[in-house]
Amino acid sequence: MDYPGCVVIIVRNLETCSANQYTETLKEHHYQVRYVAEGEDPIPAIQQHDPVAVCYQFDYPDQSGLLELRQTKQALPSVPLLMITQSHSEQLAVWAFRSHVWDYFVQPVDTARFIDVVDTLSAIHHGKPAAAARAALDAKNSIPPEARLRCVGVSVDRSIMDQILTYLNANLHKKIVQAEVAERFGLSPFQFSRLFKRLSDMTFQSYLLTRRIEEAKRLLANPKVSVTDICFTVGFHDLSYFTRIFQRHVGLPPSRYRVAQAEQAAAAEAAASVEKKHRSVELVSAKS
């Protein structure tokens, strides 16, 4: 069997984590996976294995881990780096792309898109035509909710709107008053309301609530974070009110949503395991 290549995983977690589904998916697609543990210099390992991609896996990125990623890119500029993190922020994503990271993933990883990216890098690595694969990848690449709401319009208005959205996304945990945000950006309440509705196609309050619910859903994927902590992290100050609003928009209260997502992930993992076992049996039968 021709293997599509090697993927080096540089594990830089602050906490002990079990195997991730994306690494199992890589193996199912016949990629060789090599790990670089904490304390091990990644550059010799990368040079030894000539990988199609290198994944820096973080749970909560710290300064030393991010510095090492940047140094690795500087030492081996032609090697595509992917960054996987459990703790996501807009500032972190901006830093990653400014450091010339090829792509950026938030846990739990979208394994379908992840494999599409690695397959494209494999095609490039082996000198095969990758234009079509890249076009398909771009078409499948899902846009984050906050970016989806960014808009087109007069350049000055768009610039102001982008600054407003950046401010809101960075301050979801705080009390945000529309009139105060308008004043911060030199707009009257009427100007602010009209600009926001015209360029985002939704009201200020609707956007703020949507972002807070989406951020809560993302944080609920981490079982170590309590629902109460999530409630305050996304800007709600009453757990009962947060639960009611979340259920109204999602259809389940936060605790049940977390369980449902965990069960869905477990079912997907079990199905993948069964499929892998079936493939192994078929392979053995074929060799017989």
C-alpha atoms as a PDB file:
ATOM      1  CA  MET A   1       0.000   0.000   0.000  1.00  0.00           C
ATOM      2  CA  ASP A   2       1.294   3.495  -0.852  1.00  0.00           C
ATOM      3  CA  TYR A   3       1.072   5.676   2.223  1.00  0.00           C
ATOM      4  CA  PRO A   4       0.051   9.311   1.580  1.00  0.00           C
ATOM      5  CA  GLY A   5       2.765  10.499   3.938  1.00  0.00           C
ATOM      6  CA  CYS A   6       3.696  11.224   7.524  1.00  0.00           C
ATOM      7  CA  VAL A   7       2.105  13.763   9.862  1.00  0.00           C
ATOM      8  CA  VAL A   8       4.126  14.903  12.874  1.00  0.00           C
ATOM      9  CA  ILE A   9       2.085  15.812  15.970  1.00  0.00           C
ATOM     10  CA  ILE A  10       3.895  18.102  18.405  1.00  0.00           C
ATOM     11  CA  VAL A  11       2.016  17.743  21.695  1.00  0.00           C
ATOM     12  CA  ARG A  12       2.252  20.833  23.862  1.00  0.00           C
ATOM     13  CA  ASN A  13      -0.668  20.364  26.252  1.00  0.00           C
ATOM     14  CA  LEU A  14      -0.535  21.834  29.743  1.00  0.00           C
ATOM     15  CA  GLU A  15      -2.806  19.054  31.001  1.00  0.00           C
ATOM     16  CA  THR A  16      -2.754  15.332  30.293  1.00  0.00           C
ATOM     17  CA  CYS A  17      -5.133  14.576  27.417  1.00  0.00           C
ATOM     18  CA  SER A  18      -6.278  11.316  25.872  1.00  0.00           C
ATOM     19  CA  ALA A  19      -5.912  10.511  22.188  1.00  0.00           C
ATOM     20  CA  ASN A  20      -7.811  12.825  19.877  1.00  0.00           C
ATOM     21  CA  GLN A  21     -10.234  11.682  17.202  1.00  0.00           C
ATOM     22  CA  TYR A  22      -8.344  13.543  14.486  1.00  0.00           C
ATOM     23  CA  THR A  23      -5.216  11.416  15.063  1.00  0.00           C
ATOM     24  CA  GLU A  24      -7.276   8.232  14.765  1.00  0.00           C
ATOM     25  CA  THR A  25      -8.816   9.594  11.568  1.00  0.00           C
ATOM     26  CA  LEU A  26      -5.341  10.222  10.159  1.00  0.00           C
ATOM     27  CA  LYS A  27      -4.426   6.586  10.785  1.00  0.00           C
ATOM     28  CA  GLU A  28      -7.671   5.390   9.196  1.00  0.00           C
ATOM     29  CA  HIS A  29      -6.659   7.340   6.074  1.00  0.00           C
ATOM     30  CA  HIS A  30      -3.294   5.500   6.159  1.00  0.00           C
ATOM     31  CA  TYR A  31      -1.172   8.436   7.275  1.00  0.00           C
ATOM     32  CA  GLN A  32       1.836   7.621   9.428  1.00  0.00           C
ATOM     33  CA  VAL A  33       1.574   9.578  12.691  1.00  0.00           C
ATOM     34  CA  ARG A  34       4.674  10.509  14.659  1.00  0.00           C
ATOM     35  CA  TYR A  35       4.529  12.279  18.031  1.00  0.00           C
ATOM     36  CA  VAL A  36       6.971  14.786  19.516  1.00  0.00           C
ATOM     37  CA  ALA A  37       6.579  14.799  23.282  1.00  0.00           C
ATOM     38  CA  GLU A  38       7.051  17.692  25.707  1.00  0.00           C
ATOM     39  CA  GLY A  39      10.715  18.492  26.149  1.00  0.00           C
ATOM     40  CA  GLU A  40      11.743  16.915  22.828  1.00  0.00           C
ATOM     41  CA  ASP A  41      13.224  19.182  20.150  1.00  0.00           C
ATOM     42  CA  PRO A  42      10.734  19.062  17.235  1.00  0.00           C
ATOM     43  CA  ILE A  43      13.123  20.160  14.481  1.00  0.00           C
ATOM     44  CA  PRO A  44      15.243  16.936  14.263  1.00  0.00           C
ATOM     45  CA  ALA A  45      12.060  14.837  14.276  1.00  0.00           C
ATOM     46  CA  ILE A  46      10.562  16.904  11.460  1.00  0.00           C
ATOM     47  CA  GLN A  47      13.749  16.683   9.414  1.00  0.00           C
ATOM     48  CA  GLN A  48      13.914  12.915   9.976  1.00  0.00           C
ATOM     49  CA  HIS A  49      10.350  12.111   8.897  1.00  0.00           C
ATOM     50  CA  ASP A  50       9.879  14.650   6.054  1.00  0.00           C
ATOM     51  CA  PRO A  51       6.174  15.111   6.935  1.00  0.00           C
ATOM     52  CA  VAL A  52       3.413  16.381   4.695  1.00  0.00           C
ATOM     53  CA  ALA A  53       2.263  18.491   7.656  1.00  0.00           C
ATOM     54  CA  VAL A  54       3.220  19.291  11.235  1.00  0.00           C
ATOM     55  CA  CYS A  55       0.469  19.781  13.828  1.00  0.00           C
ATOM     56  CA  TYR A  56       1.102  21.802  16.957  1.00  0.00           C
ATOM     57  CA  GLN A  57      -1.470  20.508  19.445  1.00  0.00           C
ATOM     58  CA  PHE A  58      -2.283  22.757  22.395  1.00  0.00           C
ATOM     59  CA  ASP A  59      -4.989  22.625  25.010  1.00  0.00           C
ATOM     60  CA  TYR A  60      -4.220  26.045  26.499  1.00  0.00           C
ATOM     61  CA  PRO A  61      -1.336  27.661  24.576  1.00  0.00           C
ATOM     62  CA  ASP A  62       1.327  29.289  26.734  1.00  0.00           C
ATOM     63  CA  GLN A  63       4.111  31.668  25.768  1.00  0.00           C
ATOM     64  CA  SER A  64       6.815  28.999  25.536  1.00  0.00           C
ATOM     65  CA  GLY A  65       4.673  26.774  23.301  1.00  0.00           C
ATOM     66  CA  LEU A  66       3.800  29.594  20.916  1.00  0.00           C
ATOM     67  CA  LEU A  67       7.415  30.755  20.846  1.00  0.00           C
ATOM     68  CA  GLU A  68       8.492  27.223  19.899  1.00  0.00           C
ATOM     69  CA  LEU A  69       5.944  27.124  17.068  1.00  0.00           C
ATOM     70  CA  ARG A  70       7.281  30.384  15.675  1.00  0.00           C
ATOM     71  CA  GLN A  71      10.894  29.199  15.967  1.00  0.00           C
ATOM     72  CA  THR A  72      10.004  25.956  14.179  1.00  0.00           C
ATOM     73  CA  LYS A  73       8.451  27.914  11.317  1.00  0.00           C
ATOM     74  CA  GLN A  74      11.494  30.165  11.081  1.00  0.00           C
ATOM     75  CA  ALA A  75      13.870  27.171  11.041  1.00  0.00           C
ATOM     76  CA  LEU A  76      11.782  25.148   8.547  1.00  0.00           C
ATOM     77  CA  PRO A  77       9.805  27.719   6.525  1.00  0.00           C
ATOM     78  CA  SER A  78       8.731  25.264   3.801  1.00  0.00           C
ATOM     79  CA  VAL A  79       7.040  22.843   6.226  1.00  0.00           C
ATOM     80  CA  PRO A  80       3.264  23.481   6.547  1.00  0.00           C
ATOM     81  CA  LEU A  81       2.254  23.998  10.190  1.00  0.00           C
ATOM     82  CA  LEU A  82      -1.257  23.356  11.466  1.00  0.00           C
ATOM     83  CA  MET A  83      -2.336  24.655  14.853  1.00  0.00           C
ATOM     84  CA  ILE A  84      -4.912  22.876  17.027  1.00  0.00           C
ATOM     85  CA  THR A  85      -6.101  24.471  20.236  1.00  0.00           C
ATOM     86  CA  GLN A  86      -8.802  24.004  22.825  1.00  0.00           C
ATOM     87  CA  SER A  87      -8.564  27.577  24.081  1.00  0.00           C
ATOM     88  CA  HIS A  88      -9.581  29.834  21.197  1.00  0.00           C
ATOM     89  CA  SER A  89      -9.642  33.600  20.851  1.00  0.00           C
ATOM     90  CA  GLU A  90      -9.649  35.985  17.928  1.00  0.00           C
ATOM     91  CA  GLN A  91      -6.258  37.339  19.035  1.00  0.00           C
ATOM     92  CA  LEU A  92      -4.785  33.821  19.064  1.00  0.00           C
ATOM     93  CA  ALA A  93      -6.088  33.089  15.566  1.00  0.00           C
ATOM     94  CA  VAL A  94      -4.663  36.368  14.259  1.00  0.00           C
ATOM     95  CA  TRP A  95      -1.304  35.548  15.883  1.00  0.00           C
ATOM     96  CA  ALA A  96      -1.322  32.086  14.267  1.00  0.00           C
ATOM     97  CA  PHE A  97      -1.868  33.361  10.747  1.00  0.00           C
ATOM     98  CA  ARG A  98       0.657  36.152  11.188  1.00  0.00           C
ATOM     99  CA  SER A  99       3.117  33.410  12.165  1.00  0.00           C
ATOM    100  CA  HIS A 100       2.363  31.774   8.793  1.00  0.00           C
ATOM    101  CA  VAL A 101       0.413  28.815  10.160  1.00  0.00           C
ATOM    102  CA  TRP A 102      -1.199  27.021   7.206  1.00  0.00           C
ATOM    103  CA  ASP A 103      -4.513  26.370   8.995  1.00  0.00           C
ATOM    104  CA  TYR A 104      -6.040  26.733  12.458  1.00  0.00           C
ATOM    105  CA  PHE A 105      -8.426  24.325  14.206  1.00  0.00           C
ATOM    106  CA  VAL A 106     -10.369  24.520  17.455  1.00  0.00           C
ATOM    107  CA  GLN A 107     -11.122  21.424  19.541  1.00  0.00           C
ATOM    108  CA  PRO A 108     -13.191  19.371  18.948  1.00  0.00           C
ATOM    109  CA  VAL A 109     -11.594  19.278  15.506  1.00  0.00           C
ATOM    110  CA  ASP A 110     -13.766  19.154  12.397  1.00  0.00           C
ATOM    111  CA  THR A 111     -12.146  15.921  11.196  1.00  0.00           C
ATOM    112  CA  ALA A 112     -13.628  16.095   7.688  1.00  0.00           C
ATOM    113  CA  ARG A 113     -12.092  19.511   7.031  1.00  0.00           C
ATOM    114  CA  PHE A 114      -8.882  18.468   8.783  1.00  0.00           C
ATOM    115  CA  ILE A 115      -8.434  15.477   6.466  1.00  0.00           C
ATOM    116  CA  ASP A 116      -9.234  17.665   3.439  1.00  0.00           C
ATOM    117  CA  VAL A 117      -6.431  20.021   4.487  1.00  0.00           C
ATOM    118  CA  VAL A 118      -3.932  17.199   5.088  1.00  0.00           C
ATOM    119  CA  ASP A 119      -4.855  15.512   1.788  1.00  0.00           C
ATOM    120  CA  THR A 120      -4.216  18.787  -0.040  1.00  0.00           C
ATOM    121  CA  LEU A 121      -0.852  19.192   1.698  1.00  0.00           C
ATOM    122  CA  SER A 122      -0.005  15.586   0.824  1.00  0.00           C
ATOM    123  CA  ALA A 123      -0.756  16.260  -2.850  1.00  0.00           C
ATOM    124  CA  ILE A 124       1.454  19.349  -2.784  1.00  0.00           C
ATOM    125  CA  HIS A 125       4.207  17.469  -0.939  1.00  0.00           C
ATOM    126  CA  HIS A 126       4.269  14.703  -3.545  1.00  0.00           C
ATOM    127  CA  GLY A 127       4.261  17.141  -6.438  1.00  0.00           C
ATOM    128  CA  LYS A 128       0.779  16.234  -7.632  1.00  0.00           C
ATOM    129  CA  PRO A 129      -1.680  18.804  -9.070  1.00  0.00           C
ATOM    130  CA  ALA A 130      -3.359  20.342  -6.055  1.00  0.00           C
ATOM    131  CA  ALA A 131      -5.323  23.218  -7.588  1.00  0.00           C
ATOM    132  CA  ALA A 132      -8.602  21.283  -7.757  1.00  0.00           C
ATOM    133  CA  ALA A 133      -8.109  19.898  -4.267  1.00  0.00           C
ATOM    134  CA  ARG A 134      -7.410  23.371  -2.943  1.00  0.00           C
ATOM    135  CA  ALA A 135     -10.536  24.772  -4.606  1.00  0.00           C
ATOM    136  CA  ALA A 136     -12.651  22.001  -3.070  1.00  0.00           C
ATOM    137  CA  LEU A 137     -11.051  22.651   0.295  1.00  0.00           C
ATOM    138  CA  ASP A 138     -11.874  26.345   0.145  1.00  0.00           C
ATOM    139  CA  ALA A 139     -15.478  25.517  -0.743  1.00  0.00           C
ATOM    140  CA  LYS A 140     -15.826  23.218   2.287  1.00  0.00           C
ATOM    141  CA  ASN A 141     -14.033  25.536   4.692  1.00  0.00           C
ATOM    142  CA  SER A 142     -16.734  26.686   7.119  1.00  0.00           C
ATOM    143  CA  ILE A 143     -16.646  30.331   8.146  1.00  0.00           C
ATOM    144  CA  PRO A 144     -16.884  31.114  11.889  1.00  0.00           C
ATOM    145  CA  PRO A 145     -20.136  32.806  12.999  1.00  0.00           C
ATOM    146  CA  GLU A 146     -18.447  36.077  13.911  1.00  0.00           C
ATOM    147  CA  ALA A 147     -16.767  36.308  10.508  1.00  0.00           C
ATOM    148  CA  ARG A 148     -19.948  35.272   8.730  1.00  0.00           C
ATOM    149  CA  LEU A 149     -21.617  38.382  10.083  1.00  0.00           C
ATOM    150  CA  ARG A 150     -18.975  40.717   8.749  1.00  0.00           C
ATOM    151  CA  CYS A 151     -20.145  42.602   5.767  1.00  0.00           C
ATOM    152  CA  VAL A 152     -19.506  44.531   2.615  1.00  0.00           C
ATOM    153  CA  GLY A 153     -20.300  48.144   2.117  1.00  0.00           C
ATOM    154  CA  VAL A 154     -18.638  51.523   2.039  1.00  0.00           C
ATOM    155  CA  SER A 155     -15.016  51.013   3.092  1.00  0.00           C
ATOM    156  CA  VAL A 156     -15.155  53.479   6.001  1.00  0.00           C
ATOM    157  CA  ASP A 157     -18.383  51.979   7.365  1.00  0.00           C
ATOM    158  CA  ARG A 158     -16.990  48.470   6.979  1.00  0.00           C
ATOM    159  CA  SER A 159     -13.830  49.454   8.845  1.00  0.00           C
ATOM    160  CA  ILE A 160     -15.854  50.878  11.731  1.00  0.00           C
ATOM    161  CA  MET A 161     -18.086  47.814  11.768  1.00  0.00           C
ATOM    162  CA  ASP A 162     -15.122  45.460  11.875  1.00  0.00           C
ATOM    163  CA  GLN A 163     -13.717  47.374  14.825  1.00  0.00           C
ATOM    164  CA  ILE A 164     -17.083  47.166  16.597  1.00  0.00           C
ATOM    165  CA  LEU A 165     -17.339  43.407  16.041  1.00  0.00           C
ATOM    166  CA  THR A 166     -13.776  42.867  17.207  1.00  0.00           C
ATOM    167  CA  TYR A 167     -14.529  44.845  20.369  1.00  0.00           C
ATOM    168  CA  LEU A 168     -17.727  42.904  21.051  1.00  0.00           C
ATOM    169  CA  ASN A 169     -16.114  39.497  20.505  1.00  0.00           C
ATOM    170  CA  ALA A 170     -13.273  40.399  22.879  1.00  0.00           C
ATOM    171  CA  ASN A 171     -15.643  41.604  25.604  1.00  0.00           C
ATOM    172  CA  LEU A 172     -18.467  39.053  25.619  1.00  0.00           C
ATOM    173  CA  HIS A 173     -17.795  38.324  29.293  1.00  0.00           C
ATOM    174  CA  LYS A 174     -18.558  41.930  30.256  1.00  0.00           C
ATOM    175  CA  LYS A 175     -21.757  43.921  30.480  1.00  0.00           C
ATOM    176  CA  ILE A 176     -22.114  45.603  27.078  1.00  0.00           C
ATOM    177  CA  VAL A 177     -24.429  48.596  26.682  1.00  0.00           C
ATOM    178  CA  GLN A 178     -25.296  49.665  23.140  1.00  0.00           C
ATOM    179  CA  ALA A 179     -25.173  53.397  23.884  1.00  0.00           C
ATOM    180  CA  GLU A 180     -21.710  53.062  25.433  1.00  0.00           C
ATOM    181  CA  VAL A 181     -20.387  51.110  22.441  1.00  0.00           C
ATOM    182  CA  ALA A 182     -21.826  53.735  20.082  1.00  0.00           C
ATOM    183  CA  GLU A 183     -20.115  56.512  22.031  1.00  0.00           C
ATOM    184  CA  ARG A 184     -16.843  54.549  22.050  1.00  0.00           C
ATOM    185  CA  PHE A 185     -16.825  54.583  18.244  1.00  0.00           C
ATOM    186  CA  GLY A 186     -17.966  58.180  17.846  1.00  0.00           C
ATOM    187  CA  LEU A 187     -21.531  57.417  16.745  1.00  0.00           C
ATOM    188  CA  SER A 188     -24.907  58.559  17.991  1.00  0.00           C
ATOM    189  CA  PRO A 189     -27.272  55.784  19.160  1.00  0.00           C
ATOM    190  CA  PHE A 190     -29.316  56.247  15.970  1.00  0.00           C
ATOM    191  CA  GLN A 191     -26.263  56.146  13.673  1.00  0.00           C
ATOM    192  CA  PHE A 192     -24.928  53.092  15.476  1.00  0.00           C
ATOM    193  CA  SER A 193     -28.219  51.201  15.282  1.00  0.00           C
ATOM    194  CA  ARG A 194     -28.703  51.980  11.587  1.00  0.00           C
ATOM    195  CA  LEU A 195     -25.087  51.077  10.693  1.00  0.00           C
ATOM    196  CA  PHE A 196     -25.223  47.803  12.607  1.00  0.00           C
ATOM    197  CA  LYS A 197     -28.517  46.695  11.097  1.00  0.00           C
ATOM    198  CA  ARG A 198     -27.514  47.681   7.553  1.00  0.00           C
ATOM    199  CA  LEU A 199     -24.151  45.935   7.585  1.00  0.00           C
ATOM    200  CA  SER A 200     -24.898  42.828   9.674  1.00  0.00           C
ATOM    201  CA  ASP A 201     -28.568  42.362   8.729  1.00  0.00           C
ATOM    202  CA  MET A 202     -29.458  41.981  12.405  1.00  0.00           C
ATOM    203  CA  THR A 203     -29.910  44.206  15.427  1.00  0.00           C
ATOM    204  CA  PHE A 204     -27.149  44.850  17.929  1.00  0.00           C
ATOM    205  CA  GLN A 205     -28.924  42.871  20.662  1.00  0.00           C
ATOM    206  CA  SER A 206     -29.598  39.923  18.336  1.00  0.00           C
ATOM    207  CA  TYR A 207     -25.964  39.767  17.317  1.00  0.00           C
ATOM    208  CA  LEU A 208     -24.752  39.969  20.902  1.00  0.00           C
ATOM    209  CA  LEU A 209     -27.094  37.205  22.028  1.00  0.00           C
ATOM    210  CA  THR A 210     -26.191  34.995  19.045  1.00  0.00           C
ATOM    211  CA  ARG A 211     -22.463  35.352  19.726  1.00  0.00           C
ATOM    212  CA  ARG A 212     -22.904  34.585  23.418  1.00  0.00           C
ATOM    213  CA  ILE A 213     -24.925  31.443  22.718  1.00  0.00           C
ATOM    214  CA  GLU A 214     -22.431  30.272  20.066  1.00  0.00           C
ATOM    215  CA  GLU A 215     -19.529  30.835  22.455  1.00  0.00           C
ATOM    216  CA  ALA A 216     -21.392  28.951  25.207  1.00  0.00           C
ATOM    217  CA  LYS A 217     -21.914  25.996  22.827  1.00  0.00           C
ATOM    218  CA  ARG A 218     -18.217  25.956  22.034  1.00  0.00           C
ATOM    219  CA  LEU A 219     -17.204  26.063  25.703  1.00  0.00           C
ATOM    220  CA  LEU A 220     -19.649  23.276  26.588  1.00  0.00           C
ATOM    221  CA  ALA A 221     -17.498  20.919  24.500  1.00  0.00           C
ATOM    222  CA  ASN A 222     -14.939  21.086  27.322  1.00  0.00           C
ATOM    223  CA  PRO A 223     -16.261  18.871  30.163  1.00  0.00           C
ATOM    224  CA  LYS A 224     -13.819  20.458  32.622  1.00  0.00           C
ATOM    225  CA  VAL A 225     -15.603  23.818  32.499  1.00  0.00           C
ATOM    226  CA  SER A 226     -18.738  24.080  34.630  1.00  0.00           C
ATOM    227  CA  VAL A 227     -22.001  25.434  33.240  1.00  0.00           C
ATOM    228  CA  THR A 228     -21.881  28.182  35.870  1.00  0.00           C
ATOM    229  CA  ASP A 229     -18.426  29.295  34.739  1.00  0.00           C
ATOM    230  CA  ILE A 230     -19.590  29.274  31.114  1.00  0.00           C
ATOM    231  CA  CYS A 231     -22.616  31.357  32.054  1.00  0.00           C
ATOM    232  CA  PHE A 232     -20.417  34.150  33.441  1.00  0.00           C
ATOM    233  CA  THR A 233     -17.719  33.765  30.772  1.00  0.00           C
ATOM    234  CA  VAL A 234     -20.178  34.575  27.978  1.00  0.00           C
ATOM    235  CA  GLY A 235     -21.648  37.592  29.745  1.00  0.00           C
ATOM    236  CA  PHE A 236     -24.699  36.265  31.597  1.00  0.00           C
ATOM    237  CA  HIS A 237     -24.946  37.072  35.283  1.00  0.00           C
ATOM    238  CA  ASP A 238     -27.794  34.775  36.294  1.00  0.00           C
ATOM    239  CA  LEU A 239     -27.579  31.014  35.771  1.00  0.00           C
ATOM    240  CA  SER A 240     -31.347  30.494  35.588  1.00  0.00           C
ATOM    241  CA  TYR A 241     -31.734  33.216  32.963  1.00  0.00           C
ATOM    242  CA  PHE A 242     -28.805  31.819  30.967  1.00  0.00           C
ATOM    243  CA  THR A 243     -30.369  28.343  31.040  1.00  0.00           C
ATOM    244  CA  ARG A 244     -33.735  29.650  29.825  1.00  0.00           C
ATOM    245  CA  ILE A 245     -32.207  31.702  26.999  1.00  0.00           C
ATOM    246  CA  PHE A 246     -29.913  28.861  25.927  1.00  0.00           C
ATOM    247  CA  GLN A 247     -32.797  26.376  25.818  1.00  0.00           C
ATOM    248  CA  ARG A 248     -34.966  28.826  23.875  1.00  0.00           C
ATOM    249  CA  HIS A 249     -32.317  29.168  21.153  1.00  0.00           C
ATOM    250  CA  VAL A 250     -30.788  25.684  21.113  1.00  0.00           C
ATOM    251  CA  GLY A 251     -33.715  23.501  22.145  1.00  0.00           C
ATOM    252  CA  LEU A 252     -31.931  21.965  25.143  1.00  0.00           C
ATOM    253  CA  PRO A 253     -30.661  23.337  28.457  1.00  0.00           C
ATOM    254  CA  PRO A 254     -26.856  23.655  28.617  1.00  0.00           C
ATOM    255  CA  SER A 255     -26.245  20.511  30.693  1.00  0.00           C
ATOM    256  CA  ARG A 256     -28.367  18.320  28.402  1.00  0.00           C
ATOM    257  CA  TYR A 257     -26.792  19.897  25.302  1.00  0.00           C
ATOM    258  CA  ARG A 258     -23.347  18.957  26.638  1.00  0.00           C
ATOM    259  CA  VAL A 259     -24.461  15.351  27.243  1.00  0.00           C
ATOM    260  CA  ALA A 260     -26.079  15.135  23.803  1.00  0.00           C
ATOM    261  CA  GLN A 261     -22.919  16.417  22.100  1.00  0.00           C
ATOM    262  CA  ALA A 262     -20.757  13.968  24.052  1.00  0.00           C
ATOM    263  CA  GLU A 263     -23.054  11.079  23.127  1.00  0.00           C
ATOM    264  CA  GLN A 264     -23.003  12.146  19.473  1.00  0.00           C
ATOM    265  CA  ALA A 265     -19.195  12.279  19.501  1.00  0.00           C
ATOM    266  CA  ALA A 266     -19.009   8.872  21.208  1.00  0.00           C
ATOM    267  CA  ALA A 267     -21.410   7.371  18.672  1.00  0.00           C
ATOM    268  CA  ALA A 268     -19.350   8.781  15.801  1.00  0.00           C
ATOM    269  CA  GLU A 269     -16.177   7.373  17.346  1.00  0.00           C
ATOM    270  CA  ALA A 270     -17.808   3.964  17.851  1.00  0.00           C
ATOM    271  CA  ALA A 271     -19.041   3.940  14.255  1.00  0.00           C
ATOM    272  CA  ALA A 272     -15.547   4.809  13.039  1.00  0.00           C
ATOM    273  CA  SER A 273     -14.104   1.991  15.157  1.00  0.00           C
ATOM    274  CA  VAL A 274     -16.580  -0.534  13.727  1.00  0.00           C
ATOM    275  CA  GLU A 275     -15.820   0.653  10.195  1.00  0.00           C
ATOM    276  CA  LYS A 276     -12.098   0.310  10.860  1.00  0.00           C
ATOM    277  CA  LYS A 277     -12.628  -3.240  12.165  1.00  0.00           C
ATOM    278  CA  HIS A 278     -14.660  -4.129   9.070  1.00  0.00           C
ATOM    279  CA  ARG A 279     -11.895  -2.807   6.822  1.00  0.00           C
ATOM    280  CA  SER A 280      -9.332  -4.895   8.699  1.00  0.00           C
ATOM    281  CA  VAL A 281     -11.455  -8.029   8.276  1.00  0.00           C
ATOM    282  CA  GLU A 282     -11.913  -7.319   4.568  1.00  0.00           C
ATOM    283  CA  LEU A 283      -8.174  -6.778   4.171  1.00  0.00           C
ATOM    284  CA  VAL A 284      -7.381 -10.077   5.896  1.00  0.00           C
ATOM    285  CA  SER A 285      -9.977 -11.863   3.741  1.00  0.00           C
ATOM    286  CA  ALA A 286      -8.521 -10.340   0.588  1.00  0.00           C
ATOM    287  CA  LYS A 287      -5.028 -11.506   1.499  1.00  0.00           C
ATOM    288  CA  SER A 288      -6.371 -14.994   2.204  1.00  0.00           C
END
